[in-house]
Amino acid sequence: MERHAPRFALPLPLPAAPALHGATFACQGAGIDAQGPFANLAAFSGGLEVTIDSVAH
């Protein structure tokens, strides 16, 4: 049986500031999992690196 983690969206409000063009940040998700690989308590998603590379007009 294949297990799927629940999906969710987390809005990230950013100001329309040209100074943020090219900025990079990292994010990662975590959840409680009784059989998780981290101390049999939690599971973590793979990290995601996000780069802001365009300005909305």
PDB file of N, CA and C in Angstrom:
ATOM      1  N   MET A   1       0.834  -1.178   0.000  1.00  0.00           N
ATOM      2  CA  MET A   1       0.000   0.000   0.000  1.00  0.00           C
ATOM      3  C   MET A   1       0.881   1.245   0.000  1.00  0.00           C
ATOM      4  N   GLU A   2       0.613   2.148  -0.900  1.00  0.00           N
ATOM      5  CA  GLU A   2       1.393   3.362  -1.027  1.00  0.00           C
ATOM      6  C   GLU A   2       0.832   4.456  -0.130  1.00  0.00           C
ATOM      7  N   ARG A   3       1.707   5.148   0.611  1.00  0.00           N
ATOM      8  CA  ARG A   3       1.282   6.224   1.510  1.00  0.00           C
ATOM      9  C   ARG A   3       1.519   7.568   0.849  1.00  0.00           C
ATOM     10  N   HIS A   4       0.557   8.461   1.005  1.00  0.00           N
ATOM     11  CA  HIS A   4       0.685   9.821   0.473  1.00  0.00           C
ATOM     12  C   HIS A   4       0.501  10.819   1.603  1.00  0.00           C
ATOM     13  N   ALA A   5       1.373  11.779   1.663  1.00  0.00           N
ATOM     14  CA  ALA A   5       1.245  12.834   2.669  1.00  0.00           C
ATOM     15  C   ALA A   5       0.161  13.817   2.236  1.00  0.00           C
ATOM     16  N   PRO A   6      -0.546  14.410   3.195  1.00  0.00           N
ATOM     17  CA  PRO A   6      -1.541  15.423   2.836  1.00  0.00           C
ATOM     18  C   PRO A   6      -0.869  16.633   2.197  1.00  0.00           C
ATOM     19  N   ARG A   7      -1.565  17.286   1.321  1.00  0.00           N
ATOM     20  CA  ARG A   7      -1.023  18.469   0.651  1.00  0.00           C
ATOM     21  C   ARG A   7      -1.628  19.724   1.255  1.00  0.00           C
ATOM     22  N   PHE A   8      -0.861  20.783   1.250  1.00  0.00           N
ATOM     23  CA  PHE A   8      -1.359  22.055   1.728  1.00  0.00           C
ATOM     24  C   PHE A   8      -0.608  23.170   1.018  1.00  0.00           C
ATOM     25  N   ALA A   9      -1.178  24.349   1.058  1.00  0.00           N
ATOM     26  CA  ALA A   9      -0.539  25.520   0.461  1.00  0.00           C
ATOM     27  C   ALA A   9      -0.328  26.555   1.554  1.00  0.00           C
ATOM     28  N   LEU A  10       0.788  27.213   1.513  1.00  0.00           N
ATOM     29  CA  LEU A  10       1.105  28.246   2.474  1.00  0.00           C
ATOM     30  C   LEU A  10       1.444  29.518   1.699  1.00  0.00           C
ATOM     31  N   PRO A  11       0.521  30.481   1.684  1.00  0.00           N
ATOM     32  CA  PRO A  11       0.808  31.713   0.947  1.00  0.00           C
ATOM     33  C   PRO A  11       1.990  32.455   1.577  1.00  0.00           C
ATOM     34  N   LEU A  12       2.808  33.011   0.747  1.00  0.00           N
ATOM     35  CA  LEU A  12       3.970  33.751   1.212  1.00  0.00           C
ATOM     36  C   LEU A  12       3.893  35.164   0.636  1.00  0.00           C
ATOM     37  N   PRO A  13       3.267  36.082   1.370  1.00  0.00           N
ATOM     38  CA  PRO A  13       3.136  37.442   0.850  1.00  0.00           C
ATOM     39  C   PRO A  13       4.493  38.151   0.826  1.00  0.00           C
ATOM     40  N   LEU A  14       4.873  38.610  -0.333  1.00  0.00           N
ATOM     41  CA  LEU A  14       6.129  39.337  -0.495  1.00  0.00           C
ATOM     42  C   LEU A  14       5.832  40.712  -1.078  1.00  0.00           C
ATOM     43  N   PRO A  15       6.510  41.725  -0.590  1.00  0.00           N
ATOM     44  CA  PRO A  15       6.302  43.051  -1.168  1.00  0.00           C
ATOM     45  C   PRO A  15       6.893  43.113  -2.580  1.00  0.00           C
ATOM     46  N   ALA A  16       6.328  43.955  -3.405  1.00  0.00           N
ATOM     47  CA  ALA A  16       6.835  44.133  -4.770  1.00  0.00           C
ATOM     48  C   ALA A  16       8.036  45.072  -4.731  1.00  0.00           C
ATOM     49  N   ALA A  17       9.117  44.604  -4.148  1.00  0.00           N
ATOM     50  CA  ALA A  17      10.327  45.415  -3.993  1.00  0.00           C
ATOM     51  C   ALA A  17      11.409  44.907  -4.942  1.00  0.00           C
ATOM     52  N   PRO A  18      11.932  45.783  -5.795  1.00  0.00           N
ATOM     53  CA  PRO A  18      12.995  45.364  -6.711  1.00  0.00           C
ATOM     54  C   PRO A  18      14.221  44.802  -5.974  1.00  0.00           C
ATOM     55  N   ALA A  19      14.417  45.187  -4.731  1.00  0.00           N
ATOM     56  CA  ALA A  19      15.568  44.698  -3.970  1.00  0.00           C
ATOM     57  C   ALA A  19      15.480  43.185  -3.741  1.00  0.00           C
ATOM     58  N   LEU A  20      14.286  42.600  -3.828  1.00  0.00           N
ATOM     59  CA  LEU A  20      14.135  41.164  -3.626  1.00  0.00           C
ATOM     60  C   LEU A  20      14.444  40.353  -4.878  1.00  0.00           C
ATOM     61  N   HIS A  21      14.608  41.010  -6.025  1.00  0.00           N
ATOM     62  CA  HIS A  21      14.915  40.307  -7.272  1.00  0.00           C
ATOM     63  C   HIS A  21      16.225  39.538  -7.108  1.00  0.00           C
ATOM     64  N   GLY A  22      16.168  38.235  -7.323  1.00  0.00           N
ATOM     65  CA  GLY A  22      17.345  37.389  -7.188  1.00  0.00           C
ATOM     66  C   GLY A  22      17.542  36.826  -5.788  1.00  0.00           C
ATOM     67  N   ALA A  23      16.696  37.215  -4.840  1.00  0.00           N
ATOM     68  CA  ALA A  23      16.819  36.686  -3.477  1.00  0.00           C
ATOM     69  C   ALA A  23      16.507  35.186  -3.472  1.00  0.00           C
ATOM     70  N   THR A  24      17.178  34.456  -2.625  1.00  0.00           N
ATOM     71  CA  THR A  24      16.993  33.017  -2.523  1.00  0.00           C
ATOM     72  C   THR A  24      16.688  32.666  -1.072  1.00  0.00           C
ATOM     73  N   PHE A  25      15.750  31.751  -0.874  1.00  0.00           N
ATOM     74  CA  PHE A  25      15.475  31.243   0.464  1.00  0.00           C
ATOM     75  C   PHE A  25      15.130  29.773   0.365  1.00  0.00           C
ATOM     76  N   ALA A  26      15.193  29.092   1.486  1.00  0.00           N
ATOM     77  CA  ALA A  26      14.920  27.655   1.522  1.00  0.00           C
ATOM     78  C   ALA A  26      13.709  27.392   2.403  1.00  0.00           C
ATOM     79  N   CYS A  27      12.984  26.318   2.083  1.00  0.00           N
ATOM     80  CA  CYS A  27      11.843  25.921   2.897  1.00  0.00           C
ATOM     81  C   CYS A  27      11.780  24.400   2.953  1.00  0.00           C
ATOM     82  N   GLN A  28      11.129  23.910   4.007  1.00  0.00           N
ATOM     83  CA  GLN A  28      11.013  22.469   4.198  1.00  0.00           C
ATOM     84  C   GLN A  28       9.784  22.209   5.054  1.00  0.00           C
ATOM     85  N   GLY A  29       9.120  21.101   4.805  1.00  0.00           N
ATOM     86  CA  GLY A  29       7.941  20.736   5.581  1.00  0.00           C
ATOM     87  C   GLY A  29       8.253  19.610   6.549  1.00  0.00           C
ATOM     88  N   ALA A  30       7.458  19.507   7.610  1.00  0.00           N
ATOM     89  CA  ALA A  30       7.616  18.442   8.593  1.00  0.00           C
ATOM     90  C   ALA A  30       6.241  18.035   9.100  1.00  0.00           C
ATOM     91  N   GLY A  31       6.141  16.807   9.537  1.00  0.00           N
ATOM     92  CA  GLY A  31       4.875  16.329  10.078  1.00  0.00           C
ATOM     93  C   GLY A  31       5.102  15.227  11.097  1.00  0.00           C
ATOM     94  N   ILE A  32       4.145  15.059  11.979  1.00  0.00           N
ATOM     95  CA  ILE A  32       4.223  13.999  12.974  1.00  0.00           C
ATOM     96  C   ILE A  32       3.856  12.686  12.304  1.00  0.00           C
ATOM     97  N   ASP A  33       4.712  11.694  12.480  1.00  0.00           N
ATOM     98  CA  ASP A  33       4.511  10.378  11.873  1.00  0.00           C
ATOM     99  C   ASP A  33       5.002   9.335  12.866  1.00  0.00           C
ATOM    100  N   ALA A  34       4.083   8.511  13.391  1.00  0.00           N
ATOM    101  CA  ALA A  34       4.432   7.528  14.415  1.00  0.00           C
ATOM    102  C   ALA A  34       5.499   6.541  13.944  1.00  0.00           C
ATOM    103  N   GLN A  35       5.645   6.357  12.646  1.00  0.00           N
ATOM    104  CA  GLN A  35       6.684   5.473  12.117  1.00  0.00           C
ATOM    105  C   GLN A  35       7.677   6.247  11.269  1.00  0.00           C
ATOM    106  N   GLY A  36       7.806   7.529  11.562  1.00  0.00           N
ATOM    107  CA  GLY A  36       8.677   8.396  10.784  1.00  0.00           C
ATOM    108  C   GLY A  36      10.144   8.047  10.940  1.00  0.00           C
ATOM    109  N   PRO A  37      10.953   8.395   9.961  1.00  0.00           N
ATOM    110  CA  PRO A  37      12.369   8.057   9.988  1.00  0.00           C
ATOM    111  C   PRO A  37      13.176   8.867  11.008  1.00  0.00           C
ATOM    112  N   PHE A  38      12.620   9.972  11.506  1.00  0.00           N
ATOM    113  CA  PHE A  38      13.336  10.783  12.490  1.00  0.00           C
ATOM    114  C   PHE A  38      12.861  10.401  13.886  1.00  0.00           C
ATOM    115  N   ALA A  39      13.610   9.601  14.580  1.00  0.00           N
ATOM    116  CA  ALA A  39      13.321   9.164  15.956  1.00  0.00           C
ATOM    117  C   ALA A  39      11.946   8.507  16.086  1.00  0.00           C
ATOM    118  N   ASN A  40      11.470   7.856  15.030  1.00  0.00           N
ATOM    119  CA  ASN A  40      10.135   7.237  15.016  1.00  0.00           C
ATOM    120  C   ASN A  40       9.056   8.210  15.467  1.00  0.00           C
ATOM    121  N   LEU A  41       9.238   9.470  15.124  1.00  0.00           N
ATOM    122  CA  LEU A  41       8.321  10.502  15.592  1.00  0.00           C
ATOM    123  C   LEU A  41       7.900  11.464  14.494  1.00  0.00           C
ATOM    124  N   ALA A  42       8.765  11.736  13.530  1.00  0.00           N
ATOM    125  CA  ALA A  42       8.468  12.765  12.535  1.00  0.00           C
ATOM    126  C   ALA A  42       9.007  12.380  11.163  1.00  0.00           C
ATOM    127  N   ALA A  43       8.471  13.043  10.164  1.00  0.00           N
ATOM    128  CA  ALA A  43       8.953  12.901   8.792  1.00  0.00           C
ATOM    129  C   ALA A  43       9.145  14.296   8.207  1.00  0.00           C
ATOM    130  N   PHE A  44      10.189  14.457   7.425  1.00  0.00           N
ATOM    131  CA  PHE A  44      10.495  15.751   6.818  1.00  0.00           C
ATOM    132  C   PHE A  44      10.449  15.631   5.300  1.00  0.00           C
ATOM    133  N   SER A  45      10.018  16.698   4.653  1.00  0.00           N
ATOM    134  CA  SER A  45      10.025  16.722   3.189  1.00  0.00           C
ATOM    135  C   SER A  45      11.444  17.029   2.719  1.00  0.00           C
ATOM    136  N   GLY A  46      11.655  16.859   1.437  1.00  0.00           N
ATOM    137  CA  GLY A  46      12.914  17.293   0.859  1.00  0.00           C
ATOM    138  C   GLY A  46      12.938  18.813   0.858  1.00  0.00           C
ATOM    139  N   GLY A  47      14.091  19.394   1.025  1.00  0.00           N
ATOM    140  CA  GLY A  47      14.204  20.846   1.016  1.00  0.00           C
ATOM    141  C   GLY A  47      13.916  21.413  -0.369  1.00  0.00           C
ATOM    142  N   LEU A  48      13.472  22.644  -0.394  1.00  0.00           N
ATOM    143  CA  LEU A  48      13.181  23.331  -1.650  1.00  0.00           C
ATOM    144  C   LEU A  48      13.825  24.699  -1.608  1.00  0.00           C
ATOM    145  N   GLU A  49      14.652  24.994  -2.588  1.00  0.00           N
ATOM    146  CA  GLU A  49      15.267  26.312  -2.681  1.00  0.00           C
ATOM    147  C   GLU A  49      14.470  27.144  -3.674  1.00  0.00           C
ATOM    148  N   VAL A  50      14.061  28.330  -3.259  1.00  0.00           N
ATOM    149  CA  VAL A  50      13.235  29.204  -4.085  1.00  0.00           C
ATOM    150  C   VAL A  50      14.011  30.478  -4.382  1.00  0.00           C
ATOM    151  N   THR A  51      14.029  30.868  -5.651  1.00  0.00           N
ATOM    152  CA  THR A  51      14.676  32.108  -6.063  1.00  0.00           C
ATOM    153  C   THR A  51      13.642  33.013  -6.707  1.00  0.00           C
ATOM    154  N   ILE A  52      13.587  34.238  -6.240  1.00  0.00           N
ATOM    155  CA  ILE A  52      12.665  35.225  -6.812  1.00  0.00           C
ATOM    156  C   ILE A  52      13.352  35.833  -8.021  1.00  0.00           C
ATOM    157  N   ASP A  53      12.783  35.596  -9.209  1.00  0.00           N
ATOM    158  CA  ASP A  53      13.488  36.048 -10.399  1.00  0.00           C
ATOM    159  C   ASP A  53      12.655  36.880 -11.350  1.00  0.00           C
ATOM    160  N   SER A  54      11.476  37.291 -10.957  1.00  0.00           N
ATOM    161  CA  SER A  54      10.707  38.166 -11.835  1.00  0.00           C
ATOM    162  C   SER A  54       9.907  39.147 -10.996  1.00  0.00           C
ATOM    163  N   VAL A  55       9.591  40.273 -11.585  1.00  0.00           N
ATOM    164  CA  VAL A  55       8.817  41.315 -10.910  1.00  0.00           C
ATOM    165  C   VAL A  55       7.473  41.420 -11.603  1.00  0.00           C
ATOM    166  N   ALA A  56       6.381  41.359 -10.842  1.00  0.00           N
ATOM    167  CA  ALA A  56       5.035  41.464 -11.423  1.00  0.00           C
ATOM    168  C   ALA A  56       4.804  42.895 -11.924  1.00  0.00           C
ATOM    169  N   HIS A  57       4.123  43.007 -13.042  1.00  0.00           N
ATOM    170  CA  HIS A  57       3.812  44.336 -13.617  1.00  0.00           C
ATOM    171  C   HIS A  57       2.343  44.638 -13.476  1.00  0.00           C
TER     172      HIS A  57
END
